[in-house]
């Protein structure tokens, strides 16, 4: 009887262990997300110049060099969603997408960080409000920083400033980087067919759907 009792106790212990292990919650599987970038709101259709009342006609090209997109909760807890070592030029005058975006664990994140090249370049037209002359040309902007934290810009190397509010990532989430260029383009000099446009840094924001 004692041998049977010992066997029965061992069998129950093994069964209980198997049952317990089977009930352990599994780690959530990584989920697919998509990323896009474009001009925010009405910016793709028109913008107001900084001075002089010139009307900016539709911007035909707004080129940004994208290098890296990260998501995380601290500098020691980051995940790279997308990266291009040499940088990838995208024209955000029309909304563009990103290929080869990495799957990420679902959950709540405090920041999304975008690294871009230090130069923005624009093609567009400016109509002089006084004469009606249309100036067609190009312009560029040299940024004082090439790393941005969406919701707030990173002011130093610590990178600890977070988004205005956390974001939630689930299967099929879509991240959108919006460049608001209203008030950032103006005519500087040149002829109607070869104008130099002034460009200043746009306002940057993140949308999550």
C-alpha atoms as a PDB file:
ATOM      1  CA  UNK A   1       0.000   0.000   0.000  1.00  0.00           C
ATOM      2  CA  UNK A   2       2.777   2.385   0.818  1.00  0.00           C
ATOM      3  CA  UNK A   3       4.340   1.936  -2.652  1.00  0.00           C
ATOM      4  CA  UNK A   4       0.999   2.604  -4.313  1.00  0.00           C
ATOM      5  CA  UNK A   5       0.501   5.693  -2.163  1.00  0.00           C
ATOM      6  CA  UNK A   6       3.925   7.039  -3.090  1.00  0.00           C
ATOM      7  CA  UNK A   7       3.250   6.434  -6.814  1.00  0.00           C
ATOM      8  CA  UNK A   8      -0.153   8.110  -6.584  1.00  0.00           C
ATOM      9  CA  UNK A   9       1.330  11.164  -4.824  1.00  0.00           C
ATOM     10  CA  UNK A  10       4.053  11.499  -7.456  1.00  0.00           C
ATOM     11  CA  UNK A  11       1.559  11.177 -10.290  1.00  0.00           C
ATOM     12  CA  UNK A  12      -0.644  13.883  -8.800  1.00  0.00           C
ATOM     13  CA  UNK A  13       2.374  16.171  -8.389  1.00  0.00           C
ATOM     14  CA  UNK A  14       3.405  15.693 -12.013  1.00  0.00           C
ATOM     15  CA  UNK A  15      -0.133  16.280 -13.252  1.00  0.00           C
ATOM     16  CA  UNK A  16      -0.438  19.414 -11.165  1.00  0.00           C
ATOM     17  CA  UNK A  17       2.872  20.740 -12.500  1.00  0.00           C
ATOM     18  CA  UNK A  18       1.813  20.090 -16.090  1.00  0.00           C
ATOM     19  CA  UNK A  19      -1.520  21.786 -15.491  1.00  0.00           C
ATOM     20  CA  UNK A  20       0.151  24.778 -13.849  1.00  0.00           C
ATOM     21  CA  UNK A  21       2.609  25.209 -16.682  1.00  0.00           C
ATOM     22  CA  UNK A  22      -0.181  24.975 -19.213  1.00  0.00           C
ATOM     23  CA  UNK A  23      -2.038  27.809 -17.485  1.00  0.00           C
ATOM     24  CA  UNK A  24       0.912  30.218 -17.527  1.00  0.00           C
ATOM     25  CA  UNK A  25       0.054  33.254 -19.684  1.00  0.00           C
ATOM     26  CA  UNK A  26       2.061  33.262 -22.907  1.00  0.00           C
ATOM     27  CA  UNK A  27       3.963  36.374 -23.951  1.00  0.00           C
ATOM     28  CA  UNK A  28       1.936  38.395 -26.462  1.00  0.00           C
ATOM     29  CA  UNK A  29       2.996  37.856 -30.038  1.00  0.00           C
ATOM     30  CA  UNK A  30       4.446  40.835 -31.932  1.00  0.00           C
ATOM     31  CA  UNK A  31       1.875  42.707 -34.011  1.00  0.00           C
ATOM     32  CA  UNK A  32       2.130  44.322 -37.411  1.00  0.00           C
ATOM     33  CA  UNK A  33       1.945  48.103 -37.693  1.00  0.00           C
ATOM     34  CA  UNK A  34       2.072  50.467 -40.649  1.00  0.00           C
ATOM     35  CA  UNK A  35       3.811  53.830 -40.924  1.00  0.00           C
ATOM     36  CA  UNK A  36       3.081  56.780 -43.192  1.00  0.00           C
ATOM     37  CA  UNK A  37       4.223  60.387 -43.553  1.00  0.00           C
ATOM     38  CA  UNK A  38       2.709  63.400 -45.252  1.00  0.00           C
ATOM     39  CA  UNK A  39       1.789  67.053 -45.014  1.00  0.00           C
ATOM     40  CA  UNK A  40      -0.697  67.789 -42.256  1.00  0.00           C
ATOM     41  CA  UNK A  41      -4.219  69.084 -42.757  1.00  0.00           C
ATOM     42  CA  UNK A  42      -4.591  71.706 -45.448  1.00  0.00           C
ATOM     43  CA  UNK A  43      -0.835  71.971 -45.917  1.00  0.00           C
ATOM     44  CA  UNK A  44      -0.910  69.682 -48.931  1.00  0.00           C
ATOM     45  CA  UNK A  45      -3.233  72.123 -50.688  1.00  0.00           C
ATOM     46  CA  UNK A  46      -2.073  75.547 -49.580  1.00  0.00           C
ATOM     47  CA  UNK A  47      -0.014  77.429 -47.044  1.00  0.00           C
ATOM     48  CA  UNK A  48       0.343  81.037 -45.956  1.00  0.00           C
ATOM     49  CA  UNK A  49       3.716  82.726 -46.278  1.00  0.00           C
ATOM     50  CA  UNK A  50       5.363  84.147 -43.197  1.00  0.00           C
ATOM     51  CA  UNK A  51       5.466  87.738 -44.451  1.00  0.00           C
ATOM     52  CA  UNK A  52       4.082  89.894 -47.228  1.00  0.00           C
ATOM     53  CA  UNK A  53       0.774  88.124 -47.690  1.00  0.00           C
ATOM     54  CA  UNK A  54       2.000  85.958 -50.527  1.00  0.00           C
ATOM     55  CA  UNK A  55      -0.209  82.954 -51.193  1.00  0.00           C
ATOM     56  CA  UNK A  56       1.540  79.618 -51.446  1.00  0.00           C
ATOM     57  CA  UNK A  57       0.127  77.466 -54.194  1.00  0.00           C
ATOM     58  CA  UNK A  58       0.143  73.671 -53.854  1.00  0.00           C
ATOM     59  CA  UNK A  59       3.572  72.418 -52.843  1.00  0.00           C
ATOM     60  CA  UNK A  60       4.714  70.084 -55.590  1.00  0.00           C
ATOM     61  CA  UNK A  61       7.506  68.409 -53.612  1.00  0.00           C
ATOM     62  CA  UNK A  62       8.575  68.311 -49.964  1.00  0.00           C
ATOM     63  CA  UNK A  63      11.554  66.004 -49.560  1.00  0.00           C
ATOM     64  CA  UNK A  64      12.601  64.510 -46.243  1.00  0.00           C
ATOM     65  CA  UNK A  65      15.453  62.031 -45.665  1.00  0.00           C
ATOM     66  CA  UNK A  66      14.131  59.388 -43.269  1.00  0.00           C
ATOM     67  CA  UNK A  67      16.701  57.348 -41.319  1.00  0.00           C
ATOM     68  CA  UNK A  68      15.175  55.680 -38.279  1.00  0.00           C
ATOM     69  CA  UNK A  69      11.884  55.242 -36.395  1.00  0.00           C
ATOM     70  CA  UNK A  70      11.938  53.957 -32.827  1.00  0.00           C
ATOM     71  CA  UNK A  71       9.330  53.198 -30.192  1.00  0.00           C
ATOM     72  CA  UNK A  72       9.852  52.646 -26.471  1.00  0.00           C
ATOM     73  CA  UNK A  73       9.551  53.800 -22.885  1.00  0.00           C
ATOM     74  CA  UNK A  74      13.098  54.869 -22.007  1.00  0.00           C
ATOM     75  CA  UNK A  75      16.557  55.064 -23.516  1.00  0.00           C
ATOM     76  CA  UNK A  76      17.225  51.545 -22.224  1.00  0.00           C
ATOM     77  CA  UNK A  77      13.928  50.228 -23.598  1.00  0.00           C
ATOM     78  CA  UNK A  78      13.784  50.997 -27.317  1.00  0.00           C
ATOM     79  CA  UNK A  79      12.733  49.069 -30.385  1.00  0.00           C
ATOM     80  CA  UNK A  80      13.505  50.014 -33.987  1.00  0.00           C
ATOM     81  CA  UNK A  81      10.384  49.868 -36.141  1.00  0.00           C
ATOM     82  CA  UNK A  82      12.137  50.971 -39.315  1.00  0.00           C
ATOM     83  CA  UNK A  83      15.655  51.974 -40.327  1.00  0.00           C
ATOM     84  CA  UNK A  84      17.686  52.953 -43.377  1.00  0.00           C
ATOM     85  CA  UNK A  85      21.412  53.257 -42.730  1.00  0.00           C
ATOM     86  CA  UNK A  86      21.986  55.561 -45.707  1.00  0.00           C
ATOM     87  CA  UNK A  87      18.669  57.372 -45.369  1.00  0.00           C
ATOM     88  CA  UNK A  88      15.666  57.132 -47.657  1.00  0.00           C
ATOM     89  CA  UNK A  89      14.378  60.236 -49.435  1.00  0.00           C
ATOM     90  CA  UNK A  90      10.591  60.487 -49.428  1.00  0.00           C
ATOM     91  CA  UNK A  91       8.444  63.192 -50.984  1.00  0.00           C
ATOM     92  CA  UNK A  92       5.745  63.858 -48.376  1.00  0.00           C
ATOM     93  CA  UNK A  93       3.833  66.318 -50.573  1.00  0.00           C
ATOM     94  CA  UNK A  94       1.685  63.220 -51.086  1.00  0.00           C
ATOM     95  CA  UNK A  95       1.303  60.728 -48.267  1.00  0.00           C
ATOM     96  CA  UNK A  96       3.981  58.039 -48.437  1.00  0.00           C
ATOM     97  CA  UNK A  97       4.324  54.653 -46.746  1.00  0.00           C
ATOM     98  CA  UNK A  98       7.239  52.662 -45.327  1.00  0.00           C
ATOM     99  CA  UNK A  99       8.151  49.119 -46.289  1.00  0.00           C
ATOM    100  CA  UNK A 100       9.766  46.458 -44.106  1.00  0.00           C
ATOM    101  CA  UNK A 101       8.315  47.835 -40.868  1.00  0.00           C
ATOM    102  CA  UNK A 102       9.199  45.495 -37.999  1.00  0.00           C
ATOM    103  CA  UNK A 103       6.498  43.885 -35.862  1.00  0.00           C
ATOM    104  CA  UNK A 104       6.423  45.131 -32.269  1.00  0.00           C
ATOM    105  CA  UNK A 105       4.955  43.867 -29.013  1.00  0.00           C
ATOM    106  CA  UNK A 106       1.505  45.326 -28.341  1.00  0.00           C
ATOM    107  CA  UNK A 107       1.123  47.676 -25.410  1.00  0.00           C
ATOM    108  CA  UNK A 108       1.453  51.251 -24.237  1.00  0.00           C
ATOM    109  CA  UNK A 109       4.467  53.327 -25.213  1.00  0.00           C
ATOM    110  CA  UNK A 110       5.611  56.731 -24.000  1.00  0.00           C
ATOM    111  CA  UNK A 111       7.523  57.866 -27.031  1.00  0.00           C
ATOM    112  CA  UNK A 112       8.114  57.434 -30.723  1.00  0.00           C
ATOM    113  CA  UNK A 113      11.347  58.874 -32.062  1.00  0.00           C
ATOM    114  CA  UNK A 114      12.109  59.803 -35.652  1.00  0.00           C
ATOM    115  CA  UNK A 115      15.605  60.447 -36.982  1.00  0.00           C
ATOM    116  CA  UNK A 116      15.805  62.347 -40.286  1.00  0.00           C
ATOM    117  CA  UNK A 117      18.474  64.045 -42.351  1.00  0.00           C
ATOM    118  CA  UNK A 118      19.339  67.622 -41.457  1.00  0.00           C
ATOM    119  CA  UNK A 119      18.039  69.147 -44.717  1.00  0.00           C
ATOM    120  CA  UNK A 120      14.472  69.588 -45.970  1.00  0.00           C
ATOM    121  CA  UNK A 121      13.927  70.653 -49.595  1.00  0.00           C
ATOM    122  CA  UNK A 122      10.805  72.069 -51.214  1.00  0.00           C
ATOM    123  CA  UNK A 123       9.490  72.718 -54.729  1.00  0.00           C
ATOM    124  CA  UNK A 124       6.535  75.059 -55.033  1.00  0.00           C
ATOM    125  CA  UNK A 125       4.983  78.262 -56.280  1.00  0.00           C
ATOM    126  CA  UNK A 126       4.323  81.595 -54.589  1.00  0.00           C
ATOM    127  CA  UNK A 127       1.782  84.143 -55.840  1.00  0.00           C
ATOM    128  CA  UNK A 128       2.625  87.773 -55.059  1.00  0.00           C
ATOM    129  CA  UNK A 129      -0.479  89.266 -53.464  1.00  0.00           C
ATOM    130  CA  UNK A 130       0.165  92.731 -54.889  1.00  0.00           C
ATOM    131  CA  UNK A 131       1.007  91.943 -58.526  1.00  0.00           C
ATOM    132  CA  UNK A 132      -0.422  88.471 -59.029  1.00  0.00           C
ATOM    133  CA  UNK A 133       2.954  87.254 -60.295  1.00  0.00           C
ATOM    134  CA  UNK A 134       3.502  83.532 -59.737  1.00  0.00           C
ATOM    135  CA  UNK A 135       7.030  82.654 -58.662  1.00  0.00           C
ATOM    136  CA  UNK A 136       8.038  79.053 -59.227  1.00  0.00           C
ATOM    137  CA  UNK A 137      11.140  77.678 -57.558  1.00  0.00           C
ATOM    138  CA  UNK A 138      12.847  75.685 -54.866  1.00  0.00           C
ATOM    139  CA  UNK A 139      14.057  76.156 -51.334  1.00  0.00           C
ATOM    140  CA  UNK A 140      15.649  74.258 -48.495  1.00  0.00           C
ATOM    141  CA  UNK A 141      15.983  74.330 -44.747  1.00  0.00           C
ATOM    142  CA  UNK A 142      18.968  73.221 -42.656  1.00  0.00           C
ATOM    143  CA  UNK A 143      17.651  71.866 -39.364  1.00  0.00           C
ATOM    144  CA  UNK A 144      19.423  72.519 -36.081  1.00  0.00           C
ATOM    145  CA  UNK A 145      18.578  68.951 -35.000  1.00  0.00           C
ATOM    146  CA  UNK A 146      17.799  65.769 -36.883  1.00  0.00           C
ATOM    147  CA  UNK A 147      16.232  63.761 -34.056  1.00  0.00           C
ATOM    148  CA  UNK A 148      12.674  64.422 -32.971  1.00  0.00           C
ATOM    149  CA  UNK A 149      10.484  63.070 -30.219  1.00  0.00           C
ATOM    150  CA  UNK A 150       6.884  63.228 -31.308  1.00  0.00           C
ATOM    151  CA  UNK A 151       4.654  65.376 -29.178  1.00  0.00           C
ATOM    152  CA  UNK A 152       7.815  67.182 -28.059  1.00  0.00           C
ATOM    153  CA  UNK A 153      11.199  67.748 -29.633  1.00  0.00           C
ATOM    154  CA  UNK A 154      14.234  66.290 -27.872  1.00  0.00           C
ATOM    155  CA  UNK A 155      16.205  69.309 -26.568  1.00  0.00           C
ATOM    156  CA  UNK A 156      19.275  67.364 -25.478  1.00  0.00           C
ATOM    157  CA  UNK A 157      20.989  63.992 -25.668  1.00  0.00           C
ATOM    158  CA  UNK A 158      19.061  62.405 -22.810  1.00  0.00           C
ATOM    159  CA  UNK A 159      15.955  61.690 -24.862  1.00  0.00           C
ATOM    160  CA  UNK A 160      13.858  61.308 -21.731  1.00  0.00           C
ATOM    161  CA  UNK A 161      11.040  63.697 -22.684  1.00  0.00           C
ATOM    162  CA  UNK A 162       7.937  61.686 -23.525  1.00  0.00           C
ATOM    163  CA  UNK A 163       4.953  62.209 -25.776  1.00  0.00           C
ATOM    164  CA  UNK A 164       2.182  64.480 -24.537  1.00  0.00           C
ATOM    165  CA  UNK A 165       0.246  61.305 -23.816  1.00  0.00           C
ATOM    166  CA  UNK A 166       1.127  57.603 -24.168  1.00  0.00           C
ATOM    167  CA  UNK A 167       0.064  55.701 -27.279  1.00  0.00           C
ATOM    168  CA  UNK A 168      -1.394  52.210 -27.480  1.00  0.00           C
ATOM    169  CA  UNK A 169      -0.172  49.780 -30.117  1.00  0.00           C
ATOM    170  CA  UNK A 170      -2.303  46.831 -31.230  1.00  0.00           C
ATOM    171  CA  UNK A 171      -2.531  44.624 -34.315  1.00  0.00           C
ATOM    172  CA  UNK A 172      -3.006  46.822 -37.370  1.00  0.00           C
ATOM    173  CA  UNK A 173      -2.117  50.104 -35.666  1.00  0.00           C
ATOM    174  CA  UNK A 174      -1.104  52.873 -38.031  1.00  0.00           C
ATOM    175  CA  UNK A 175       1.442  55.565 -37.131  1.00  0.00           C
ATOM    176  CA  UNK A 176       1.371  58.761 -39.149  1.00  0.00           C
ATOM    177  CA  UNK A 177       4.047  61.471 -39.146  1.00  0.00           C
ATOM    178  CA  UNK A 178       2.510  64.822 -40.112  1.00  0.00           C
ATOM    179  CA  UNK A 179       4.530  67.788 -41.347  1.00  0.00           C
ATOM    180  CA  UNK A 180       2.528  71.006 -40.850  1.00  0.00           C
ATOM    181  CA  UNK A 181       4.130  73.489 -43.241  1.00  0.00           C
ATOM    182  CA  UNK A 182       1.601  76.336 -43.068  1.00  0.00           C
ATOM    183  CA  UNK A 183       3.561  79.523 -42.560  1.00  0.00           C
ATOM    184  CA  UNK A 184       6.943  77.969 -43.284  1.00  0.00           C
ATOM    185  CA  UNK A 185       7.481  78.854 -46.980  1.00  0.00           C
ATOM    186  CA  UNK A 186       7.998  82.313 -48.485  1.00  0.00           C
ATOM    187  CA  UNK A 187       9.438  83.966 -51.615  1.00  0.00           C
ATOM    188  CA  UNK A 188      12.990  85.248 -51.083  1.00  0.00           C
ATOM    189  CA  UNK A 189      14.392  86.280 -54.456  1.00  0.00           C
ATOM    190  CA  UNK A 190      14.746  85.391 -58.128  1.00  0.00           C
ATOM    191  CA  UNK A 191      12.657  85.476 -61.257  1.00  0.00           C
ATOM    192  CA  UNK A 192       9.188  84.072 -61.739  1.00  0.00           C
ATOM    193  CA  UNK A 193      10.585  80.921 -63.332  1.00  0.00           C
ATOM    194  CA  UNK A 194      13.616  80.502 -61.081  1.00  0.00           C
ATOM    195  CA  UNK A 195      12.703  81.690 -57.635  1.00  0.00           C
ATOM    196  CA  UNK A 196      14.443  81.001 -54.347  1.00  0.00           C
ATOM    197  CA  UNK A 197      11.960  80.046 -51.667  1.00  0.00           C
ATOM    198  CA  UNK A 198      12.586  80.511 -47.973  1.00  0.00           C
ATOM    199  CA  UNK A 199      11.824  77.442 -45.866  1.00  0.00           C
ATOM    200  CA  UNK A 200      11.677  77.172 -42.083  1.00  0.00           C
ATOM    201  CA  UNK A 201      11.247  74.128 -39.862  1.00  0.00           C
ATOM    202  CA  UNK A 202       7.689  72.727 -39.890  1.00  0.00           C
ATOM    203  CA  UNK A 203       5.641  71.687 -36.894  1.00  0.00           C
ATOM    204  CA  UNK A 204       5.799  67.921 -36.432  1.00  0.00           C
ATOM    205  CA  UNK A 205       3.173  65.637 -34.927  1.00  0.00           C
ATOM    206  CA  UNK A 206       2.231  61.989 -34.609  1.00  0.00           C
ATOM    207  CA  UNK A 207      -1.146  60.332 -35.142  1.00  0.00           C
ATOM    208  CA  UNK A 208      -1.998  56.777 -34.124  1.00  0.00           C
ATOM    209  CA  UNK A 209      -5.035  54.876 -35.361  1.00  0.00           C
END
